[in-house]
Amino acid sequence: MTTTLTADAVVVGSGVIGSAVALELARAGRDVLVLDKAGGPGHGSTCASSAVIRFLYSTYDTVATSWEAKFMWEQWADHLGLPGFEPLADPPVLSRFHRTGMLHLDVPAVPWTEGMRLLESAGVPCEHLGPDELAARFPHLDTGAYWPNKPVADDAFWDDADARLGAIHTPDAGYMDDPRLAADNLAYAARLHGARTTYRAQVVAAERRGPVWHLSLADGRRVEAPVVVNAAGPWSGAFNRMAGVGAEFTVGVRPLRQEVHQVAQPVGYGTEEAPGPGVFDIDLGTYMRPGPQQAWVIGGTEPECDPFDWIEDPDAVDDHVSLARYESQVTRAARRLPELRVPNRPSGVVGVYDVADDWTPIYDRTDADGFYVAMGTSGNQFKNGPVAGCFLAAIIAAVEDGGVDHDRDPVVYRGAHTGLDIDLAAFSRIRAVNAASTRTVLG
């Protein structure tokens, strides 16, 4: 006998985005079922996230989104709604926000004057430091300008700088100390609010019959719900195709293999009690942030001189860090922080990112009734996960309950913490590709 699971809404994917969507839909009173092919929440691209919490993006709405999300991370237990359920019989361990600040080094591709304008328009505390002040306040940092990006094997990579850089400093930036745990916290809170979670549940077919979506699972079970949310990360494009969804999209998504490496923080740059700020360095093609026990986490900003590792099947990716990518990213970091040591043996994690054409996510309905998407989110949306859940809940309520045509009359979300109005048309599936995007993880 075939088992059929029913719900008001099914969320496919339980990374930080899917788990946040499930929480907000459950809070809104919907009967929510979460499906994930992995064995638990956050086991996909979320667990490979560098979990940076920063605020500089290329549009007002994306900056406002990240600033709103910051307050959720800072007040994590309150955001999850845990105080209302105390005393809990088995209280969860919570991921923690660490405020370290972030330096966004100047680069011609991202004029600092425009960055300051966007940050100030959203009320984000920020300051621009000229080269002399940057060097005085952060003496361990090489302030040389090395643009354009060059392969580390190219002798030109080591040429002396002929100019110096300043930086935008945002003191309220930081990081979450465990991205997978953050997704687990969201899934836990969603269950407290009534959501059900089903793991090792791979969707193999999806079709809409009348007002209801019918999903088939690999183990033979079936799922029925009028609303489906695709939050499947690097598998989101494949799930859209399976459901016959997405022909109208003007923004595409592709899976991209990425690596994030870890070394020891440079001596003197910061302490365990007062870590140095993270550094976003498109000039050299890298970003860096501190971590617990004086770790230093290093990722890349997709320099065009390095090959991009686009993939077809996220399940077939090599999950071992490569020596070539490790040496490239960590060497770039060491050029910026000369006291950084580059160990011979690489250490880090491999993930598959779900990358939109303009590195701006898609939070939207689709032309298929009842089918919604939270996709193209990898690389720069972990930090926005909590508010992304609010976005999807607002869109679904407007369309399903209010009969709103979100394409013609886009939902505007007002941040509960900042009071900022965020036009969700900025995340539309049928938007013009964001011309202001850096086409990097910066967005």
Protein backbone atom coordinates (compact mmCIF):
# COMPACT_ATOMS: atom_id res chain seq x y z
CA MET A 1 0.00 0.00 0.00
CA THR A 2 1.40 3.40 -1.03
CA THR A 3 1.86 5.92 1.78
CA THR A 4 0.61 9.41 0.92
CA LEU A 5 1.74 12.42 2.92
CA THR A 6 -0.34 15.59 2.72
CA ALA A 7 0.35 19.18 3.76
CA ASP A 8 -0.67 22.76 3.05
CA ALA A 9 2.85 23.46 1.79
CA VAL A 10 5.85 21.31 0.92
CA VAL A 11 9.35 22.76 1.11
CA VAL A 12 11.91 20.81 -0.90
CA GLY A 13 15.33 21.39 0.64
CA SER A 14 16.32 21.98 4.26
CA GLY A 15 19.42 24.10 4.01
CA VAL A 16 19.44 27.46 5.74
CA ILE A 17 17.01 28.86 3.15
CA GLY A 18 14.54 25.95 3.07
CA SER A 19 14.54 25.64 6.86
CA ALA A 20 13.87 29.38 7.21
CA VAL A 21 10.99 29.15 4.72
CA ALA A 22 9.53 26.22 6.64
CA LEU A 23 9.72 28.14 9.92
CA GLU A 24 7.95 31.21 8.56
CA LEU A 25 5.22 29.21 6.80
CA ALA A 26 4.62 27.22 9.99
CA ARG A 27 4.51 30.42 12.03
CA ALA A 28 1.87 31.68 9.62
CA GLY A 29 -0.31 28.68 10.51
CA ARG A 30 0.28 26.45 7.49
CA ASP A 31 0.74 22.70 7.78
CA VAL A 32 4.30 22.37 6.46
CA LEU A 33 6.20 19.31 5.31
CA VAL A 34 9.94 19.56 4.57
CA LEU A 35 11.61 17.05 2.25
CA ASP A 36 15.35 16.62 1.86
CA LYS A 37 17.38 13.88 0.21
CA ALA A 38 20.13 14.22 2.84
CA GLY A 39 20.08 12.84 6.35
CA GLY A 40 19.43 16.16 8.08
CA PRO A 41 19.22 19.94 7.68
CA GLY A 42 22.10 21.93 6.23
CA HIS A 43 23.98 18.97 4.75
CA GLY A 44 24.22 20.47 1.25
CA SER A 45 25.76 23.78 0.22
CA THR A 46 24.91 25.33 3.61
CA CYS A 47 27.54 23.27 5.43
CA ALA A 48 30.20 24.58 3.01
CA SER A 49 29.22 28.21 3.58
CA SER A 50 31.76 30.59 5.05
CA ALA A 51 28.79 32.04 7.00
CA VAL A 52 29.91 35.66 6.59
CA ILE A 53 27.40 38.27 7.75
CA ARG A 54 28.06 41.40 5.65
CA PHE A 55 26.01 44.18 4.11
CA LEU A 56 27.59 45.50 0.91
CA TYR A 57 25.75 44.43 -2.24
CA SER A 58 25.15 46.08 -5.61
CA THR A 59 21.52 47.22 -5.09
CA TYR A 60 19.56 48.96 -2.34
CA ASP A 61 17.13 46.07 -1.82
CA THR A 62 19.89 43.50 -1.34
CA VAL A 63 21.72 45.79 1.09
CA ALA A 64 18.49 46.40 3.02
CA THR A 65 17.84 42.64 3.12
CA SER A 66 21.23 41.87 4.65
CA TRP A 67 20.89 44.67 7.22
CA GLU A 68 17.48 43.38 8.32
CA ALA A 69 18.86 39.84 8.59
CA LYS A 70 21.71 40.99 10.82
CA PHE A 71 19.32 41.75 13.65
CA MET A 72 17.83 38.26 13.37
CA TRP A 73 21.25 36.66 13.70
CA GLU A 74 22.15 38.87 16.67
CA GLN A 75 18.92 37.91 18.46
CA TRP A 76 18.97 34.32 17.27
CA ALA A 77 16.98 32.62 20.06
CA ASP A 78 14.34 35.33 19.84
CA HIS A 79 14.13 35.04 16.07
CA LEU A 80 13.65 31.28 16.34
CA GLY A 81 10.83 31.86 18.80
CA LEU A 82 12.43 29.67 21.46
CA PRO A 83 11.61 31.83 24.51
CA GLY A 84 7.92 31.19 23.90
CA PHE A 85 8.49 27.45 24.27
CA GLU A 86 10.64 27.51 27.40
CA PRO A 87 11.38 25.50 29.37
CA LEU A 88 12.31 23.10 26.56
CA ALA A 89 12.86 19.49 27.54
CA ASP A 90 15.85 19.24 25.18
CA PRO A 91 17.05 22.79 24.39
CA PRO A 92 19.19 23.00 21.25
CA VAL A 93 22.75 24.22 21.01
CA LEU A 94 22.56 27.45 19.03
CA SER A 95 24.89 28.82 16.39
CA ARG A 96 26.32 32.17 17.51
CA PHE A 97 26.89 35.49 15.79
CA HIS A 98 30.37 36.99 16.20
CA ARG A 99 30.76 40.71 15.46
CA THR A 100 34.16 41.37 13.90
CA GLY A 101 33.62 44.07 11.29
CA MET A 102 34.42 43.81 7.58
CA LEU A 103 36.78 45.70 5.30
CA HIS A 104 35.72 45.97 1.66
CA LEU A 105 38.87 46.98 -0.17
CA ASP A 106 38.54 49.50 -2.99
CA VAL A 107 38.51 48.13 -6.52
CA PRO A 108 37.64 49.81 -9.85
CA ALA A 109 34.89 47.26 -10.53
CA VAL A 110 33.03 48.39 -7.39
CA PRO A 111 33.40 52.16 -6.84
CA TRP A 112 33.53 52.82 -3.12
CA THR A 113 31.42 55.97 -3.45
CA GLU A 114 28.48 53.91 -4.75
CA GLY A 115 29.01 51.32 -2.04
CA MET A 116 28.90 54.01 0.64
CA ARG A 117 25.76 55.50 -0.91
CA LEU A 118 23.96 52.15 -0.81
CA LEU A 119 25.02 51.37 2.75
CA GLU A 120 24.10 54.83 4.04
CA SER A 121 20.71 54.74 2.29
CA ALA A 122 19.85 51.60 4.27
CA GLY A 123 21.20 53.03 7.52
CA VAL A 124 24.17 50.66 7.76
CA PRO A 125 26.98 52.14 9.89
CA CYS A 126 30.00 52.51 7.64
CA GLU A 127 33.08 54.64 7.00
CA HIS A 128 35.56 54.94 4.19
CA LEU A 129 39.20 54.69 5.18
CA GLY A 130 41.77 56.20 2.84
CA PRO A 131 45.05 54.31 2.22
CA ASP A 132 46.94 56.08 5.01
CA GLU A 133 44.21 55.58 7.61
CA LEU A 134 43.67 51.95 6.54
CA ALA A 135 47.39 51.25 6.94
CA ALA A 136 47.50 53.01 10.31
CA ARG A 137 44.51 51.18 11.76
CA PHE A 138 45.29 47.78 10.26
CA PRO A 139 49.09 47.68 9.89
CA HIS A 140 49.21 43.94 9.12
CA LEU A 141 47.33 44.58 5.86
CA ASP A 142 49.16 45.22 2.59
CA THR A 143 47.29 48.20 1.06
CA GLY A 144 48.76 47.77 -2.43
CA ALA A 145 46.48 47.85 -5.50
CA TYR A 146 47.03 44.80 -7.72
CA TRP A 147 44.03 44.97 -10.05
CA PRO A 148 43.31 43.33 -12.46
CA ASN A 149 43.26 39.78 -11.08
CA LYS A 150 46.12 37.56 -12.21
CA PRO A 151 46.82 33.82 -11.81
CA VAL A 152 49.12 33.18 -8.87
CA ALA A 153 51.43 31.24 -11.21
CA ASP A 154 51.91 34.36 -13.36
CA ASP A 155 55.06 36.32 -12.52
CA ALA A 156 52.95 39.49 -12.87
CA PHE A 157 51.01 38.45 -9.75
CA TRP A 158 54.11 39.37 -7.73
CA ASP A 159 54.71 42.74 -9.34
CA ASP A 160 55.01 45.66 -6.94
CA ALA A 161 51.88 47.75 -6.51
CA ASP A 162 51.86 51.12 -8.25
CA ALA A 163 48.94 52.46 -6.18
CA ARG A 164 47.36 51.99 -2.77
CA LEU A 165 43.88 51.05 -1.64
CA GLY A 166 41.42 52.37 0.88
CA ALA A 167 38.45 50.39 2.18
CA ILE A 168 34.86 50.63 3.34
CA HIS A 169 34.65 49.52 6.97
CA THR A 170 31.34 48.15 8.30
CA PRO A 171 31.88 47.52 12.03
CA ASP A 172 28.68 45.51 12.57
CA ALA A 173 29.60 42.69 10.15
CA GLY A 174 30.77 39.31 11.39
CA TYR A 175 30.06 35.63 11.00
CA MET A 176 28.03 32.73 12.36
CA ASP A 177 30.25 30.11 13.92
CA ASP A 178 28.48 27.03 12.50
CA PRO A 179 26.37 27.32 9.32
CA ARG A 180 25.07 23.75 9.43
CA LEU A 181 24.04 24.22 13.04
CA ALA A 182 22.21 27.42 12.05
CA ALA A 183 20.13 25.42 9.54
CA ASP A 184 19.51 22.79 12.22
CA ASN A 185 18.34 25.53 14.61
CA LEU A 186 15.86 26.78 12.01
CA ALA A 187 14.58 23.24 11.35
CA TYR A 188 14.21 22.67 15.10
CA ALA A 189 12.22 25.88 15.47
CA ALA A 190 10.06 24.98 12.48
CA ARG A 191 9.17 21.68 14.14
CA LEU A 192 8.32 23.50 17.38
CA HIS A 193 5.92 25.61 15.33
CA GLY A 194 4.30 22.52 13.83
CA ALA A 195 6.32 21.71 10.71
CA ARG A 196 7.18 18.11 9.86
CA THR A 197 10.58 17.15 8.45
CA THR A 198 11.29 14.07 6.36
CA TYR A 199 14.90 13.28 5.50
CA ARG A 200 16.40 10.82 3.03
CA ALA A 201 13.37 11.70 0.93
CA GLN A 202 14.41 12.18 -2.69
CA VAL A 203 11.81 13.62 -5.04
CA VAL A 204 11.82 11.75 -8.37
CA ALA A 205 8.67 13.14 -10.02
CA ALA A 206 6.42 16.19 -9.68
CA GLU A 207 3.25 17.21 -11.45
CA ARG A 208 0.22 19.37 -10.79
CA ARG A 209 -3.21 17.81 -11.03
CA GLY A 210 -5.97 20.33 -10.59
CA PRO A 211 -5.22 22.44 -7.51
CA VAL A 212 -2.76 19.98 -5.97
CA TRP A 213 0.90 19.17 -6.59
CA HIS A 214 1.77 15.46 -6.54
CA LEU A 215 5.36 14.52 -5.70
CA SER A 216 6.75 10.99 -5.92
CA LEU A 217 9.62 9.95 -3.65
CA ALA A 218 12.32 7.42 -4.47
CA ASP A 219 11.11 5.09 -1.70
CA GLY A 220 7.60 4.89 -3.22
CA ARG A 221 5.83 7.35 -0.97
CA ARG A 222 3.74 10.16 -2.41
CA VAL A 223 3.25 13.73 -1.26
CA GLU A 224 0.30 15.99 -2.03
CA ALA A 225 0.08 19.73 -1.37
CA PRO A 226 -1.35 22.81 -3.10
CA VAL A 227 1.90 24.74 -2.51
CA VAL A 228 5.45 23.65 -3.27
CA VAL A 229 8.58 25.69 -2.50
CA ASN A 230 11.74 24.79 -4.39
CA ALA A 231 14.62 25.49 -2.01
CA ALA A 232 16.76 22.64 -3.27
CA GLY A 233 20.02 24.59 -3.62
CA PRO A 234 22.23 23.25 -6.42
CA TRP A 235 19.49 20.75 -7.30
CA SER A 236 16.90 23.54 -7.76
CA GLY A 237 17.31 23.84 -11.52
CA ALA A 238 16.83 20.10 -11.96
CA PHE A 239 13.76 20.15 -9.73
CA ASN A 240 12.25 22.97 -11.80
CA ARG A 241 12.78 20.93 -14.95
CA MET A 242 11.28 17.86 -13.31
CA ALA A 243 8.15 19.86 -12.47
CA GLY A 244 7.98 21.48 -15.91
CA VAL A 245 8.61 24.89 -14.38
CA GLY A 246 10.81 27.79 -15.41
CA ALA A 247 10.27 28.47 -19.11
CA GLU A 248 9.48 32.12 -18.34
CA PHE A 249 12.62 32.76 -16.25
CA THR A 250 14.86 35.53 -17.57
CA VAL A 251 17.53 34.68 -14.98
CA GLY A 252 19.18 31.27 -15.08
CA VAL A 253 20.92 29.26 -12.37
CA ARG A 254 23.83 26.81 -12.58
CA PRO A 255 25.66 24.61 -10.05
CA LEU A 256 29.24 25.70 -9.35
CA ARG A 257 31.78 23.73 -7.35
CA GLN A 258 33.47 25.90 -4.74
CA GLU A 259 36.08 25.51 -2.05
CA VAL A 260 36.52 27.34 1.25
CA HIS A 261 39.85 26.87 3.03
CA GLN A 262 41.02 27.28 6.60
CA VAL A 263 44.42 28.23 8.00
CA ALA A 264 45.64 29.91 11.17
CA GLN A 265 44.93 33.62 11.58
CA PRO A 266 48.06 35.76 11.07
CA VAL A 267 49.84 36.44 14.35
CA GLY A 268 49.04 39.91 15.62
CA TYR A 269 46.11 40.58 13.29
CA GLY A 270 43.65 39.90 16.07
CA THR A 271 43.06 37.91 19.23
CA GLU A 272 40.49 35.34 20.31
CA GLU A 273 38.78 38.06 22.38
CA ALA A 274 39.09 40.78 19.72
CA PRO A 275 39.51 39.19 16.27
CA GLY A 276 40.56 41.33 13.36
CA PRO A 277 37.93 42.25 10.77
CA GLY A 278 37.11 40.13 7.77
CA VAL A 279 38.50 41.32 4.45
CA PHE A 280 36.61 41.35 1.15
CA ASP A 281 39.28 41.72 -1.48
CA ILE A 282 38.06 41.67 -5.08
CA ASP A 283 41.30 43.49 -5.98
CA LEU A 284 43.21 40.22 -5.44
CA GLY A 285 40.23 37.85 -5.84
CA THR A 286 39.68 36.59 -2.33
CA TYR A 287 37.71 37.11 0.88
CA MET A 288 38.70 36.18 4.43
CA ARG A 289 37.23 36.14 7.88
CA PRO A 290 38.28 35.11 11.41
CA GLY A 291 36.88 32.04 13.10
CA PRO A 292 36.89 30.30 16.49
CA GLN A 293 40.25 29.30 17.99
CA GLN A 294 41.98 31.88 15.80
CA ALA A 295 41.09 30.16 12.55
CA TRP A 296 41.20 32.14 9.30
CA VAL A 297 38.61 31.17 6.67
CA ILE A 298 39.43 31.95 3.03
CA GLY A 299 37.26 31.84 -0.06
CA GLY A 300 37.43 33.20 -3.59
CA THR A 301 35.65 36.02 -5.41
CA GLU A 302 35.64 34.23 -8.76
CA PRO A 303 38.57 36.00 -10.44
CA GLU A 304 38.14 35.64 -14.20
CA CYS A 305 41.76 34.53 -14.57
CA ASP A 306 40.99 31.28 -12.68
CA PRO A 307 38.86 28.49 -14.21
CA PHE A 308 35.25 28.21 -13.06
CA ASP A 309 34.20 24.68 -12.08
CA TRP A 310 30.65 24.55 -13.45
CA ILE A 311 29.14 21.09 -13.02
CA GLU A 312 26.21 19.12 -14.36
CA ASP A 313 25.49 16.75 -11.48
CA PRO A 314 25.86 18.02 -7.89
CA ASP A 315 25.84 14.42 -6.65
CA ALA A 316 28.95 13.54 -8.67
CA VAL A 317 31.21 16.34 -7.44
CA ASP A 318 34.64 15.58 -5.98
CA ASP A 319 34.31 16.59 -2.33
CA HIS A 320 38.06 16.76 -1.61
CA VAL A 321 39.79 20.15 -1.63
CA SER A 322 42.24 20.50 -4.50
CA LEU A 323 45.82 21.58 -4.01
CA ALA A 324 45.64 23.96 -6.99
CA ARG A 325 42.56 25.83 -5.71
CA TYR A 326 43.91 25.87 -2.16
CA GLU A 327 47.24 27.34 -3.24
CA SER A 328 45.52 29.91 -5.44
CA GLN A 329 43.09 31.21 -2.81
CA VAL A 330 45.40 31.08 0.18
CA THR A 331 48.29 32.64 -1.76
CA ARG A 332 46.03 35.56 -2.71
CA ALA A 333 45.15 35.94 0.97
CA ALA A 334 48.83 35.84 1.94
CA ARG A 335 49.64 38.59 -0.56
CA ARG A 336 47.15 40.81 1.29
CA LEU A 337 48.24 39.64 4.76
CA PRO A 338 52.01 39.03 4.43
CA GLU A 339 52.25 37.38 7.86
CA LEU A 340 49.73 34.68 6.87
CA ARG A 341 51.33 31.24 6.73
CA VAL A 342 50.43 28.86 3.87
CA PRO A 343 50.65 25.26 5.14
CA ASN A 344 51.68 22.58 2.64
CA ARG A 345 48.65 20.45 3.43
CA PRO A 346 45.30 21.96 2.40
CA SER A 347 42.40 22.13 4.83
CA GLY A 348 38.87 23.16 4.00
CA VAL A 349 35.50 22.15 2.64
CA VAL A 350 33.96 21.67 -0.80
CA GLY A 351 30.45 22.75 -1.66
CA VAL A 352 28.24 23.15 -4.69
CA TYR A 353 26.73 26.60 -5.04
CA ASP A 354 23.45 27.38 -6.77
CA VAL A 355 24.50 30.45 -8.75
CA ALA A 356 22.18 32.87 -10.55
CA ASP A 357 23.39 34.66 -13.67
CA ASP A 358 23.88 37.89 -11.72
CA TRP A 359 24.60 36.29 -8.33
CA THR A 360 21.30 37.74 -7.07
CA PRO A 361 18.80 35.17 -5.76
CA ILE A 362 15.33 34.39 -7.06
CA TYR A 363 12.61 34.57 -4.39
CA ASP A 364 9.38 34.36 -6.33
CA ARG A 365 6.27 32.61 -7.56
CA THR A 366 6.34 30.92 -10.96
CA ASP A 367 3.94 30.62 -13.87
CA ALA A 368 2.89 27.24 -12.46
CA ASP A 369 0.19 27.86 -9.86
CA GLY A 370 1.29 26.97 -6.36
CA PHE A 371 4.98 26.52 -7.27
CA TYR A 372 7.43 28.94 -5.63
CA VAL A 373 11.19 29.20 -5.73
CA ALA A 374 13.99 30.26 -3.41
CA MET A 375 16.95 29.56 -5.68
CA GLY A 376 20.18 31.02 -6.97
CA THR A 377 21.01 31.63 -3.32
CA SER A 378 24.40 30.02 -2.77
CA GLY A 379 27.54 31.99 -2.11
CA ASN A 380 25.99 35.19 -0.79
CA GLN A 381 22.60 34.38 0.73
CA PHE A 382 23.41 32.38 3.85
CA LYS A 383 23.53 35.73 5.62
CA ASN A 384 20.01 36.51 4.36
CA GLY A 385 18.50 33.12 5.15
CA PRO A 386 16.24 34.19 8.05
CA VAL A 387 14.67 37.08 6.15
CA ALA A 388 14.44 35.04 2.93
CA GLY A 389 12.03 32.80 4.81
CA CYS A 390 9.94 35.87 5.58
CA PHE A 391 10.02 36.90 1.90
CA LEU A 392 8.62 33.57 0.71
CA ALA A 393 5.96 33.51 3.42
CA ALA A 394 4.88 37.03 2.44
CA ILE A 395 4.72 36.20 -1.28
CA ILE A 396 2.82 32.96 -0.69
CA ALA A 397 0.31 34.68 1.62
CA ALA A 398 -0.23 37.49 -0.90
CA VAL A 399 -0.72 35.17 -3.87
CA GLU A 400 -2.48 32.19 -2.29
CA ASP A 401 -4.58 33.99 0.30
CA GLY A 402 -4.90 37.49 -1.13
CA GLY A 403 -5.10 36.78 -4.84
CA VAL A 404 -2.30 39.27 -5.55
CA ASP A 405 -0.57 39.21 -8.94
CA HIS A 406 2.97 39.41 -7.63
CA ASP A 407 4.35 40.00 -11.14
CA ARG A 408 2.21 43.10 -11.73
CA ASP A 409 1.95 44.29 -8.15
CA PRO A 410 5.09 43.05 -6.38
CA VAL A 411 4.98 42.44 -2.66
CA VAL A 412 6.91 44.95 -0.56
CA TYR A 413 8.30 43.53 2.67
CA ARG A 414 8.82 45.88 5.61
CA GLY A 415 11.61 44.81 7.93
CA ALA A 416 10.45 44.29 11.49
CA HIS A 417 13.84 45.38 12.86
CA THR A 418 14.91 48.14 10.49
CA GLY A 419 11.57 49.43 9.22
CA LEU A 420 13.03 49.36 5.69
CA ASP A 421 10.76 48.61 2.75
CA ILE A 422 12.24 45.93 0.50
CA ASP A 423 10.74 45.62 -2.98
CA LEU A 424 10.64 41.88 -3.68
CA ALA A 425 10.58 42.59 -7.42
CA ALA A 426 14.37 42.84 -6.95
CA PHE A 427 14.35 39.03 -6.62
CA SER A 428 11.91 38.30 -9.45
CA ARG A 429 12.45 35.38 -11.80
CA ILE A 430 11.54 37.65 -14.74
CA ARG A 431 13.67 40.65 -13.79
CA ALA A 432 16.32 42.16 -15.98
CA VAL A 433 19.70 40.69 -15.09
CA ASN A 434 21.29 42.97 -12.52
CA ALA A 435 23.75 45.07 -14.54
CA ALA A 436 25.28 46.49 -11.36
CA SER A 437 26.30 43.06 -10.08
CA THR A 438 30.01 42.32 -9.77
CA ARG A 439 29.24 38.80 -11.10
CA THR A 440 31.08 37.51 -8.05
CA VAL A 441 30.06 36.23 -4.64
CA LEU A 442 29.75 39.90 -3.60
CA GLY A 443 26.55 40.10 -5.66
